[in-house]
Amino acid sequence: MDELAREKLVFLISTPLYAFFIFGEVLFSYFHNRHYYTTRGTLMNVWLSVLNFGLDFLLRGFVLLFLGFFFTFQFTAIETPWIYWVVLLFTEDFMFYWLHRVDHYCRLFWAVHVTHHSSEEFNLTVGFRSSVFQPLYRFMWFIPLPLLGFRPEDIMLMYAITQIYGILIHTQSVKKLGPLEWFLSTPSHHRVHHASNVRYLDKNLGMVFIFWDRMFGTFEAEDDAEPIKYGLTKNLEKPYHPVKTIFHEWLQIVRDMMKPVGLKAKFMYVFGPPGWSHDGRTKTARQLRDELRKQEAVKK
């Protein structure tokens, strides 16, 4: 089966799957008065998804050539088909974890990724609320995969498959899933990821597997005693603006770069963690957590 046929198969499987679950969640929300969806929020998610998909489609040929170049330098190969696909799943999800972690820990990339987190709602359509410009650099994180002997078309196919799972965990309708919580990224884990609560910031970054977060110190379990607040630590003044939603963080970076500060501070305003400031007016997630711990210690 060639690449085009495989992509059509993924599309034919995923489209009715999305439609079924989204329709089901809309009905559940409506009849249980949960208010998971708004029309404007859903339309914004569709708008960002269309932009992301269009850019992804335009770059597809280039990405195949780019990864194909590194494939010519492969230094190993897996001959057994089932082992090949299982190893590809784990290695690609591992690389995505680090891509996602950089998106959260470096402001330059956060300026792209923030669109995905800017919704104050959390439902299945938020899974389509894409980081619009991520296709411009995402493929570079997968360079190790062709070197390990994975074909570029298989890498892109596996990413499309894992994206299906990644979209379906954007839901409040599914509670904790018992033993699966130990190794899979579940809806519960991903609710934490989209939270603006200080203790939840920059946590649970895995797409399919959660053990990367457990291994590298970015795991946080959902705590029923601390209800999740979705969105950003400072939400957008115009959350439904079709342009400002995409570029608001870039504009703020420009404003910060114009401040009368030294080169080191200017560098940090671009490449440092989101929230970093030279005068402490805004704080990083780590600084906010340190403050929270101190406040909790005083209360005890």
C-alpha atoms as a PDB file:
ATOM      1  CA  MET A   1       0.000   0.000   0.000  1.00  0.00           C
ATOM      2  CA  ASP A   2       1.533   3.338  -1.060  1.00  0.00           C
ATOM      3  CA  GLU A   3       1.668   6.447   1.121  1.00  0.00           C
ATOM      4  CA  LEU A   4      -1.355   8.144  -0.455  1.00  0.00           C
ATOM      5  CA  ALA A   5      -3.522   5.053  -0.006  1.00  0.00           C
ATOM      6  CA  ARG A   6      -2.467   4.696   3.628  1.00  0.00           C
ATOM      7  CA  GLU A   7      -3.250   8.352   4.345  1.00  0.00           C
ATOM      8  CA  LYS A   8      -6.679   7.942   2.756  1.00  0.00           C
ATOM      9  CA  LEU A   9      -7.285   4.909   4.982  1.00  0.00           C
ATOM     10  CA  VAL A  10      -6.309   6.871   8.112  1.00  0.00           C
ATOM     11  CA  PHE A  11      -8.629   9.694   7.013  1.00  0.00           C
ATOM     12  CA  LEU A  12     -11.516   7.301   6.327  1.00  0.00           C
ATOM     13  CA  ILE A  13     -11.114   5.723   9.759  1.00  0.00           C
ATOM     14  CA  SER A  14     -10.501   8.881  11.791  1.00  0.00           C
ATOM     15  CA  THR A  15     -13.192  11.156  10.334  1.00  0.00           C
ATOM     16  CA  PRO A  16     -16.252   9.115  11.388  1.00  0.00           C
ATOM     17  CA  LEU A  17     -14.476   8.363  14.687  1.00  0.00           C
ATOM     18  CA  TYR A  18     -14.096  12.062  15.444  1.00  0.00           C
ATOM     19  CA  ALA A  19     -17.644  12.808  14.338  1.00  0.00           C
ATOM     20  CA  PHE A  20     -19.070  10.046  16.531  1.00  0.00           C
ATOM     21  CA  PHE A  21     -17.231  11.065  19.691  1.00  0.00           C
ATOM     22  CA  ILE A  22     -17.695  14.826  19.236  1.00  0.00           C
ATOM     23  CA  PHE A  23     -21.424  14.414  18.593  1.00  0.00           C
ATOM     24  CA  GLY A  24     -21.660  12.134  21.614  1.00  0.00           C
ATOM     25  CA  GLU A  25     -19.833  14.623  23.837  1.00  0.00           C
ATOM     26  CA  VAL A  26     -22.005  17.513  22.613  1.00  0.00           C
ATOM     27  CA  LEU A  27     -25.132  15.532  23.523  1.00  0.00           C
ATOM     28  CA  PHE A  28     -23.666  14.540  26.892  1.00  0.00           C
ATOM     29  CA  SER A  29     -22.762  18.156  27.621  1.00  0.00           C
ATOM     30  CA  TYR A  30     -26.191  19.419  26.602  1.00  0.00           C
ATOM     31  CA  PHE A  31     -28.314  16.895  28.512  1.00  0.00           C
ATOM     32  CA  HIS A  32     -26.140  17.087  31.632  1.00  0.00           C
ATOM     33  CA  ASN A  33     -25.857  20.896  31.511  1.00  0.00           C
ATOM     34  CA  ARG A  34     -22.026  20.769  31.480  1.00  0.00           C
ATOM     35  CA  HIS A  35     -21.426  23.676  29.034  1.00  0.00           C
ATOM     36  CA  TYR A  36     -18.344  22.041  27.514  1.00  0.00           C
ATOM     37  CA  TYR A  37     -18.922  23.689  24.120  1.00  0.00           C
ATOM     38  CA  THR A  38     -19.580  27.168  22.783  1.00  0.00           C
ATOM     39  CA  THR A  39     -20.158  28.007  19.130  1.00  0.00           C
ATOM     40  CA  ARG A  40     -17.453  30.691  19.002  1.00  0.00           C
ATOM     41  CA  GLY A  41     -14.922  28.476  20.742  1.00  0.00           C
ATOM     42  CA  THR A  42     -15.597  25.585  18.377  1.00  0.00           C
ATOM     43  CA  LEU A  43     -15.327  27.830  15.303  1.00  0.00           C
ATOM     44  CA  MET A  44     -11.982  29.160  16.556  1.00  0.00           C
ATOM     45  CA  ASN A  45     -10.721  25.593  16.971  1.00  0.00           C
ATOM     46  CA  VAL A  46     -11.775  24.783  13.410  1.00  0.00           C
ATOM     47  CA  TRP A  47     -10.096  27.962  12.078  1.00  0.00           C
ATOM     48  CA  LEU A  48      -6.751  27.142  13.715  1.00  0.00           C
ATOM     49  CA  SER A  49      -6.964  23.538  12.557  1.00  0.00           C
ATOM     50  CA  VAL A  50      -7.568  24.566   8.934  1.00  0.00           C
ATOM     51  CA  LEU A  51      -4.534  26.881   8.981  1.00  0.00           C
ATOM     52  CA  ASN A  52      -2.324  24.217  10.524  1.00  0.00           C
ATOM     53  CA  PHE A  53      -3.507  21.506   8.144  1.00  0.00           C
ATOM     54  CA  GLY A  54      -2.980  23.760   5.115  1.00  0.00           C
ATOM     55  CA  LEU A  55       0.598  24.557   6.126  1.00  0.00           C
ATOM     56  CA  ASP A  56       1.260  20.911   6.943  1.00  0.00           C
ATOM     57  CA  PHE A  57      -0.038  19.885   3.507  1.00  0.00           C
ATOM     58  CA  LEU A  58       2.117  22.460   1.693  1.00  0.00           C
ATOM     59  CA  LEU A  59       5.246  21.258   3.483  1.00  0.00           C
ATOM     60  CA  ARG A  60       4.602  17.535   3.135  1.00  0.00           C
ATOM     61  CA  GLY A  61       6.752  17.011   0.034  1.00  0.00           C
ATOM     62  CA  PHE A  62       9.648  18.948   1.550  1.00  0.00           C
ATOM     63  CA  VAL A  63       9.429  17.000   4.806  1.00  0.00           C
ATOM     64  CA  LEU A  64       9.567  13.682   2.963  1.00  0.00           C
ATOM     65  CA  LEU A  65      12.665  14.828   1.053  1.00  0.00           C
ATOM     66  CA  PHE A  66      14.259  16.208   4.211  1.00  0.00           C
ATOM     67  CA  LEU A  67      13.778  13.006   6.206  1.00  0.00           C
ATOM     68  CA  GLY A  68      14.649  10.976   3.123  1.00  0.00           C
ATOM     69  CA  PHE A  69      18.056  12.658   3.017  1.00  0.00           C
ATOM     70  CA  PHE A  70      18.841  11.427   6.530  1.00  0.00           C
ATOM     71  CA  PHE A  71      17.417   8.003   5.701  1.00  0.00           C
ATOM     72  CA  THR A  72      20.307   7.545   3.262  1.00  0.00           C
ATOM     73  CA  PHE A  73      22.628   7.657   6.298  1.00  0.00           C
ATOM     74  CA  GLN A  74      20.730   5.047   8.332  1.00  0.00           C
ATOM     75  CA  PHE A  75      23.083   3.009  10.496  1.00  0.00           C
ATOM     76  CA  THR A  76      20.702   0.258  11.517  1.00  0.00           C
ATOM     77  CA  ALA A  77      17.531  -1.459  10.357  1.00  0.00           C
ATOM     78  CA  ILE A  78      14.745  -3.537  11.890  1.00  0.00           C
ATOM     79  CA  GLU A  79      13.711  -6.386   9.617  1.00  0.00           C
ATOM     80  CA  THR A  80      10.807  -7.873  11.582  1.00  0.00           C
ATOM     81  CA  PRO A  81       7.663  -5.879  10.647  1.00  0.00           C
ATOM     82  CA  TRP A  82       5.845  -5.951  13.988  1.00  0.00           C
ATOM     83  CA  ILE A  83       8.995  -5.006  15.902  1.00  0.00           C
ATOM     84  CA  TYR A  84       9.621  -2.224  13.351  1.00  0.00           C
ATOM     85  CA  TRP A  85       6.213  -0.629  13.965  1.00  0.00           C
ATOM     86  CA  VAL A  86       6.258  -1.051  17.751  1.00  0.00           C
ATOM     87  CA  VAL A  87       9.720   0.495  18.032  1.00  0.00           C
ATOM     88  CA  LEU A  88       8.665   3.327  15.699  1.00  0.00           C
ATOM     89  CA  LEU A  89       5.652   4.043  17.934  1.00  0.00           C
ATOM     90  CA  PHE A  90       7.791   4.298  21.074  1.00  0.00           C
ATOM     91  CA  THR A  91      10.683   6.229  19.533  1.00  0.00           C
ATOM     92  CA  GLU A  92       8.411   8.712  17.756  1.00  0.00           C
ATOM     93  CA  ASP A  93       6.411   9.332  20.917  1.00  0.00           C
ATOM     94  CA  PHE A  94       9.717   9.840  22.778  1.00  0.00           C
ATOM     95  CA  MET A  95      10.822  12.456  20.247  1.00  0.00           C
ATOM     96  CA  PHE A  96       7.412  14.133  20.431  1.00  0.00           C
ATOM     97  CA  TYR A  97       7.777  14.371  24.214  1.00  0.00           C
ATOM     98  CA  TRP A  98      10.958  16.425  23.788  1.00  0.00           C
ATOM     99  CA  LEU A  99       9.440  18.530  21.012  1.00  0.00           C
ATOM    100  CA  HIS A 100       6.485  19.248  23.283  1.00  0.00           C
ATOM    101  CA  ARG A 101       8.739  19.959  26.255  1.00  0.00           C
ATOM    102  CA  VAL A 102      10.735  22.532  24.292  1.00  0.00           C
ATOM    103  CA  ASP A 103       7.447  24.098  23.144  1.00  0.00           C
ATOM    104  CA  HIS A 104       6.641  24.685  26.813  1.00  0.00           C
ATOM    105  CA  TYR A 105      10.075  25.621  28.139  1.00  0.00           C
ATOM    106  CA  CYS A 106      11.388  27.933  25.403  1.00  0.00           C
ATOM    107  CA  ARG A 107       9.394  31.106  24.775  1.00  0.00           C
ATOM    108  CA  LEU A 108      10.196  31.229  21.049  1.00  0.00           C
ATOM    109  CA  PHE A 109       8.425  27.911  20.557  1.00  0.00           C
ATOM    110  CA  TRP A 110       5.801  28.662  23.191  1.00  0.00           C
ATOM    111  CA  ALA A 111       4.763  31.621  21.027  1.00  0.00           C
ATOM    112  CA  VAL A 112       3.720  29.003  18.439  1.00  0.00           C
ATOM    113  CA  HIS A 113       2.267  26.447  20.822  1.00  0.00           C
ATOM    114  CA  VAL A 114       0.337  28.863  23.029  1.00  0.00           C
ATOM    115  CA  THR A 115      -2.590  28.911  20.577  1.00  0.00           C
ATOM    116  CA  HIS A 116      -3.338  25.308  21.534  1.00  0.00           C
ATOM    117  CA  HIS A 117      -3.560  26.266  25.210  1.00  0.00           C
ATOM    118  CA  SER A 118      -5.382  29.576  24.902  1.00  0.00           C
ATOM    119  CA  SER A 119      -8.880  28.097  24.979  1.00  0.00           C
ATOM    120  CA  GLU A 120     -10.705  28.401  28.294  1.00  0.00           C
ATOM    121  CA  GLU A 121     -12.815  25.443  27.209  1.00  0.00           C
ATOM    122  CA  PHE A 122     -11.741  21.812  27.088  1.00  0.00           C
ATOM    123  CA  ASN A 123     -13.486  19.451  24.725  1.00  0.00           C
ATOM    124  CA  LEU A 124     -12.712  17.196  21.776  1.00  0.00           C
ATOM    125  CA  THR A 125     -12.588  20.087  19.302  1.00  0.00           C
ATOM    126  CA  VAL A 126      -9.757  21.648  21.355  1.00  0.00           C
ATOM    127  CA  GLY A 127      -7.710  18.678  20.123  1.00  0.00           C
ATOM    128  CA  PHE A 128      -7.940  20.286  16.677  1.00  0.00           C
ATOM    129  CA  ARG A 129      -6.907  23.696  18.039  1.00  0.00           C
ATOM    130  CA  SER A 130      -3.480  23.392  16.467  1.00  0.00           C
ATOM    131  CA  SER A 131      -0.190  25.182  16.986  1.00  0.00           C
ATOM    132  CA  VAL A 132      -0.470  26.784  13.561  1.00  0.00           C
ATOM    133  CA  PHE A 133       3.217  27.183  12.700  1.00  0.00           C
ATOM    134  CA  GLN A 134       4.508  23.986  14.289  1.00  0.00           C
ATOM    135  CA  PRO A 135       4.795  22.197  10.898  1.00  0.00           C
ATOM    136  CA  LEU A 136       7.625  24.633  10.081  1.00  0.00           C
ATOM    137  CA  TYR A 137       9.943  22.944  12.574  1.00  0.00           C
ATOM    138  CA  ARG A 138       8.310  19.791  13.972  1.00  0.00           C
ATOM    139  CA  PHE A 139       9.940  17.493  11.411  1.00  0.00           C
ATOM    140  CA  MET A 140      13.436  18.415  12.621  1.00  0.00           C
ATOM    141  CA  TRP A 141      12.780  16.614  15.895  1.00  0.00           C
ATOM    142  CA  PHE A 142      12.289  13.387  13.959  1.00  0.00           C
ATOM    143  CA  ILE A 143      15.773  13.387  12.356  1.00  0.00           C
ATOM    144  CA  PRO A 144      16.974  10.508  14.585  1.00  0.00           C
ATOM    145  CA  LEU A 145      14.198   8.261  13.270  1.00  0.00           C
ATOM    146  CA  PRO A 146      15.375   7.891   9.627  1.00  0.00           C
ATOM    147  CA  LEU A 147      18.909   7.441  10.953  1.00  0.00           C
ATOM    148  CA  LEU A 148      17.562   4.471  12.902  1.00  0.00           C
ATOM    149  CA  GLY A 149      16.187   3.006   9.691  1.00  0.00           C
ATOM    150  CA  PHE A 150      12.579   4.196   9.735  1.00  0.00           C
ATOM    151  CA  ARG A 151      11.216   5.236   6.337  1.00  0.00           C
ATOM    152  CA  PRO A 152      10.030   8.866   6.101  1.00  0.00           C
ATOM    153  CA  GLU A 153       6.554   7.881   4.912  1.00  0.00           C
ATOM    154  CA  ASP A 154       6.217   5.502   7.879  1.00  0.00           C
ATOM    155  CA  ILE A 155       7.280   8.240  10.286  1.00  0.00           C
ATOM    156  CA  MET A 156       4.589  10.553   8.944  1.00  0.00           C
ATOM    157  CA  LEU A 157       1.996   7.785   9.011  1.00  0.00           C
ATOM    158  CA  MET A 158       2.784   6.932  12.629  1.00  0.00           C
ATOM    159  CA  TYR A 159       2.560  10.593  13.580  1.00  0.00           C
ATOM    160  CA  ALA A 160      -0.890  10.809  11.960  1.00  0.00           C
ATOM    161  CA  ILE A 161      -2.023   7.717  13.880  1.00  0.00           C
ATOM    162  CA  THR A 162      -0.739   8.983  17.238  1.00  0.00           C
ATOM    163  CA  GLN A 163      -2.418  12.332  16.519  1.00  0.00           C
ATOM    164  CA  ILE A 164      -5.767  10.532  16.432  1.00  0.00           C
ATOM    165  CA  TYR A 165      -5.172   9.315  19.962  1.00  0.00           C
ATOM    166  CA  GLY A 166      -3.837  12.715  21.024  1.00  0.00           C
ATOM    167  CA  ILE A 167      -7.024  14.430  19.847  1.00  0.00           C
ATOM    168  CA  LEU A 168      -9.361  11.960  21.548  1.00  0.00           C
ATOM    169  CA  ILE A 169      -7.925  12.581  25.025  1.00  0.00           C
ATOM    170  CA  HIS A 170      -9.099  16.209  24.941  1.00  0.00           C
ATOM    171  CA  THR A 171     -12.242  15.494  26.916  1.00  0.00           C
ATOM    172  CA  GLN A 172     -13.821  16.097  30.309  1.00  0.00           C
ATOM    173  CA  SER A 173     -16.348  13.323  29.757  1.00  0.00           C
ATOM    174  CA  VAL A 174     -13.981  10.445  30.582  1.00  0.00           C
ATOM    175  CA  LYS A 175     -12.769  10.130  34.142  1.00  0.00           C
ATOM    176  CA  LYS A 176      -9.696   8.239  35.379  1.00  0.00           C
ATOM    177  CA  LEU A 177      -8.987   4.893  33.717  1.00  0.00           C
ATOM    178  CA  GLY A 178      -7.483   2.792  36.494  1.00  0.00           C
ATOM    179  CA  PRO A 179      -4.257   0.908  35.639  1.00  0.00           C
ATOM    180  CA  LEU A 180      -4.042   2.630  32.220  1.00  0.00           C
ATOM    181  CA  GLU A 181      -3.154   5.847  34.070  1.00  0.00           C
ATOM    182  CA  TRP A 182       0.278   4.392  34.857  1.00  0.00           C
ATOM    183  CA  PHE A 183       1.562   4.201  31.287  1.00  0.00           C
ATOM    184  CA  LEU A 184      -0.858   5.932  28.885  1.00  0.00           C
ATOM    185  CA  SER A 185      -1.603   9.605  28.446  1.00  0.00           C
ATOM    186  CA  THR A 186      -5.259   9.604  29.431  1.00  0.00           C
ATOM    187  CA  PRO A 187      -7.963  12.292  29.416  1.00  0.00           C
ATOM    188  CA  SER A 188      -7.250  12.842  33.113  1.00  0.00           C
ATOM    189  CA  HIS A 189      -3.531  13.421  32.466  1.00  0.00           C
ATOM    190  CA  HIS A 190      -4.273  15.712  29.550  1.00  0.00           C
ATOM    191  CA  ARG A 191      -6.739  17.789  31.522  1.00  0.00           C
ATOM    192  CA  VAL A 192      -3.821  18.540  33.834  1.00  0.00           C
ATOM    193  CA  HIS A 193      -1.726  19.502  30.818  1.00  0.00           C
ATOM    194  CA  HIS A 194      -4.271  22.132  29.756  1.00  0.00           C
ATOM    195  CA  ALA A 195      -4.703  23.569  33.239  1.00  0.00           C
ATOM    196  CA  SER A 196      -3.608  27.055  34.272  1.00  0.00           C
ATOM    197  CA  ASN A 197      -3.333  26.092  37.949  1.00  0.00           C
ATOM    198  CA  VAL A 198       0.222  26.735  39.124  1.00  0.00           C
ATOM    199  CA  ARG A 199       0.895  23.168  40.274  1.00  0.00           C
ATOM    200  CA  TYR A 200      -0.248  21.806  36.897  1.00  0.00           C
ATOM    201  CA  LEU A 201       1.759  24.090  34.571  1.00  0.00           C
ATOM    202  CA  ASP A 202       3.988  22.360  31.976  1.00  0.00           C
ATOM    203  CA  LYS A 203       3.036  18.866  33.117  1.00  0.00           C
ATOM    204  CA  ASN A 204       2.061  15.648  31.290  1.00  0.00           C
ATOM    205  CA  LEU A 205       3.688  16.298  27.911  1.00  0.00           C
ATOM    206  CA  GLY A 206       3.499  12.834  26.347  1.00  0.00           C
ATOM    207  CA  MET A 207       1.236  12.252  23.351  1.00  0.00           C
ATOM    208  CA  VAL A 208       0.522   8.516  23.783  1.00  0.00           C
ATOM    209  CA  PHE A 209       2.597   7.411  26.784  1.00  0.00           C
ATOM    210  CA  ILE A 210       2.823   9.091  30.179  1.00  0.00           C
ATOM    211  CA  PHE A 211       5.894   7.233  31.435  1.00  0.00           C
ATOM    212  CA  TRP A 212       8.166   9.767  29.696  1.00  0.00           C
ATOM    213  CA  ASP A 213       6.779  12.351  32.114  1.00  0.00           C
ATOM    214  CA  ARG A 214       7.246  10.007  35.055  1.00  0.00           C
ATOM    215  CA  MET A 215      10.851   9.391  33.972  1.00  0.00           C
ATOM    216  CA  PHE A 216      11.815  13.028  33.342  1.00  0.00           C
ATOM    217  CA  GLY A 217      10.008  14.798  36.171  1.00  0.00           C
ATOM    218  CA  THR A 218       7.080  16.407  34.349  1.00  0.00           C
ATOM    219  CA  PHE A 219       4.260  14.221  35.668  1.00  0.00           C
ATOM    220  CA  GLU A 220       1.406  15.499  37.798  1.00  0.00           C
ATOM    221  CA  ALA A 221      -1.750  13.568  38.623  1.00  0.00           C
ATOM    222  CA  GLU A 222      -5.164  15.194  38.487  1.00  0.00           C
ATOM    223  CA  ASP A 223      -6.267  16.023  42.015  1.00  0.00           C
ATOM    224  CA  ASP A 224     -10.003  16.187  42.682  1.00  0.00           C
ATOM    225  CA  ALA A 225      -9.248  18.574  45.553  1.00  0.00           C
ATOM    226  CA  GLU A 226      -7.938  21.157  43.073  1.00  0.00           C
ATOM    227  CA  PRO A 227     -10.410  21.700  40.222  1.00  0.00           C
ATOM    228  CA  ILE A 228      -8.799  22.503  36.908  1.00  0.00           C
ATOM    229  CA  LYS A 229      -8.988  25.974  35.410  1.00  0.00           C
ATOM    230  CA  TYR A 230      -8.441  25.819  31.663  1.00  0.00           C
ATOM    231  CA  GLY A 231      -6.616  28.400  29.597  1.00  0.00           C
ATOM    232  CA  LEU A 232      -3.550  30.532  30.296  1.00  0.00           C
ATOM    233  CA  THR A 233      -2.288  32.093  33.517  1.00  0.00           C
ATOM    234  CA  LYS A 234      -3.344  35.363  31.867  1.00  0.00           C
ATOM    235  CA  ASN A 235      -6.141  34.723  29.410  1.00  0.00           C
ATOM    236  CA  LEU A 236      -6.590  36.618  26.153  1.00  0.00           C
ATOM    237  CA  GLU A 237      -8.581  39.843  26.166  1.00  0.00           C
ATOM    238  CA  LYS A 238     -10.009  38.892  22.758  1.00  0.00           C
ATOM    239  CA  PRO A 239     -10.067  35.079  22.798  1.00  0.00           C
ATOM    240  CA  TYR A 240     -11.957  34.780  19.505  1.00  0.00           C
ATOM    241  CA  HIS A 241      -9.921  37.181  17.388  1.00  0.00           C
ATOM    242  CA  PRO A 242      -8.755  35.168  14.316  1.00  0.00           C
ATOM    243  CA  VAL A 243      -5.363  36.931  14.099  1.00  0.00           C
ATOM    244  CA  LYS A 244      -4.495  38.042  17.631  1.00  0.00           C
ATOM    245  CA  THR A 245      -5.119  34.540  18.937  1.00  0.00           C
ATOM    246  CA  ILE A 246      -2.220  33.355  16.762  1.00  0.00           C
ATOM    247  CA  PHE A 247       0.191  36.267  17.107  1.00  0.00           C
ATOM    248  CA  HIS A 248      -0.415  37.715  20.597  1.00  0.00           C
ATOM    249  CA  GLU A 249       2.681  36.147  22.162  1.00  0.00           C
ATOM    250  CA  TRP A 250       4.873  37.212  19.242  1.00  0.00           C
ATOM    251  CA  LEU A 251       3.712  40.794  19.744  1.00  0.00           C
ATOM    252  CA  GLN A 252       4.555  40.591  23.431  1.00  0.00           C
ATOM    253  CA  ILE A 253       8.027  39.270  22.624  1.00  0.00           C
ATOM    254  CA  VAL A 254       8.593  42.300  20.390  1.00  0.00           C
ATOM    255  CA  ARG A 255       7.465  44.627  23.195  1.00  0.00           C
ATOM    256  CA  ASP A 256       9.821  42.919  25.649  1.00  0.00           C
ATOM    257  CA  MET A 257      12.716  43.117  23.182  1.00  0.00           C
ATOM    258  CA  MET A 258      12.196  46.891  22.939  1.00  0.00           C
ATOM    259  CA  LYS A 259      12.747  47.379  26.656  1.00  0.00           C
ATOM    260  CA  PRO A 260      15.991  49.160  27.608  1.00  0.00           C
ATOM    261  CA  VAL A 261      17.748  46.014  28.838  1.00  0.00           C
ATOM    262  CA  GLY A 262      21.050  44.276  28.034  1.00  0.00           C
ATOM    263  CA  LEU A 263      21.679  41.602  25.420  1.00  0.00           C
ATOM    264  CA  LYS A 264      21.424  38.791  27.984  1.00  0.00           C
ATOM    265  CA  ALA A 265      17.944  39.916  29.022  1.00  0.00           C
ATOM    266  CA  LYS A 266      16.882  40.293  25.381  1.00  0.00           C
ATOM    267  CA  PHE A 267      18.143  36.768  24.711  1.00  0.00           C
ATOM    268  CA  MET A 268      16.144  35.439  27.673  1.00  0.00           C
ATOM    269  CA  TYR A 269      13.004  37.213  26.504  1.00  0.00           C
ATOM    270  CA  VAL A 270      13.175  35.106  23.326  1.00  0.00           C
ATOM    271  CA  PHE A 271      14.812  31.830  24.366  1.00  0.00           C
ATOM    272  CA  GLY A 272      14.180  31.730  28.102  1.00  0.00           C
ATOM    273  CA  PRO A 273      11.171  30.030  29.687  1.00  0.00           C
ATOM    274  CA  PRO A 274       7.764  31.677  29.225  1.00  0.00           C
ATOM    275  CA  GLY A 275       7.107  34.206  31.966  1.00  0.00           C
ATOM    276  CA  TRP A 276      10.751  35.121  32.509  1.00  0.00           C
ATOM    277  CA  SER A 277      11.340  38.823  33.134  1.00  0.00           C
ATOM    278  CA  HIS A 278      14.390  40.846  34.054  1.00  0.00           C
ATOM    279  CA  ASP A 279      12.587  42.647  36.873  1.00  0.00           C
ATOM    280  CA  GLY A 280      10.323  39.896  38.208  1.00  0.00           C
ATOM    281  CA  ARG A 281       7.095  41.481  36.986  1.00  0.00           C
ATOM    282  CA  THR A 282       6.173  38.212  35.349  1.00  0.00           C
ATOM    283  CA  LYS A 283       7.304  34.794  36.517  1.00  0.00           C
ATOM    284  CA  THR A 284       8.069  31.391  35.066  1.00  0.00           C
ATOM    285  CA  ALA A 285       6.130  28.263  36.000  1.00  0.00           C
ATOM    286  CA  ARG A 286       9.010  27.156  38.238  1.00  0.00           C
ATOM    287  CA  GLN A 287       9.079  30.513  40.048  1.00  0.00           C
ATOM    288  CA  LEU A 288       5.314  30.408  40.533  1.00  0.00           C
ATOM    289  CA  ARG A 289       5.534  26.882  41.964  1.00  0.00           C
ATOM    290  CA  ASP A 290       8.331  27.940  44.336  1.00  0.00           C
ATOM    291  CA  GLU A 291       6.135  30.792  45.571  1.00  0.00           C
ATOM    292  CA  LEU A 292       3.206  28.426  46.014  1.00  0.00           C
ATOM    293  CA  ARG A 293       5.307  25.983  48.045  1.00  0.00           C
ATOM    294  CA  LYS A 294       6.493  28.788  50.307  1.00  0.00           C
ATOM    295  CA  GLN A 295       2.920  29.965  50.853  1.00  0.00           C
ATOM    296  CA  GLU A 296       1.793  26.432  51.677  1.00  0.00           C
ATOM    297  CA  ALA A 297       4.733  25.984  54.081  1.00  0.00           C
ATOM    298  CA  VAL A 298       3.788  29.189  55.930  1.00  0.00           C
ATOM    299  CA  LYS A 299       0.185  27.992  56.283  1.00  0.00           C
ATOM    300  CA  LYS A 300       1.387  24.741  57.859  1.00  0.00           C
END
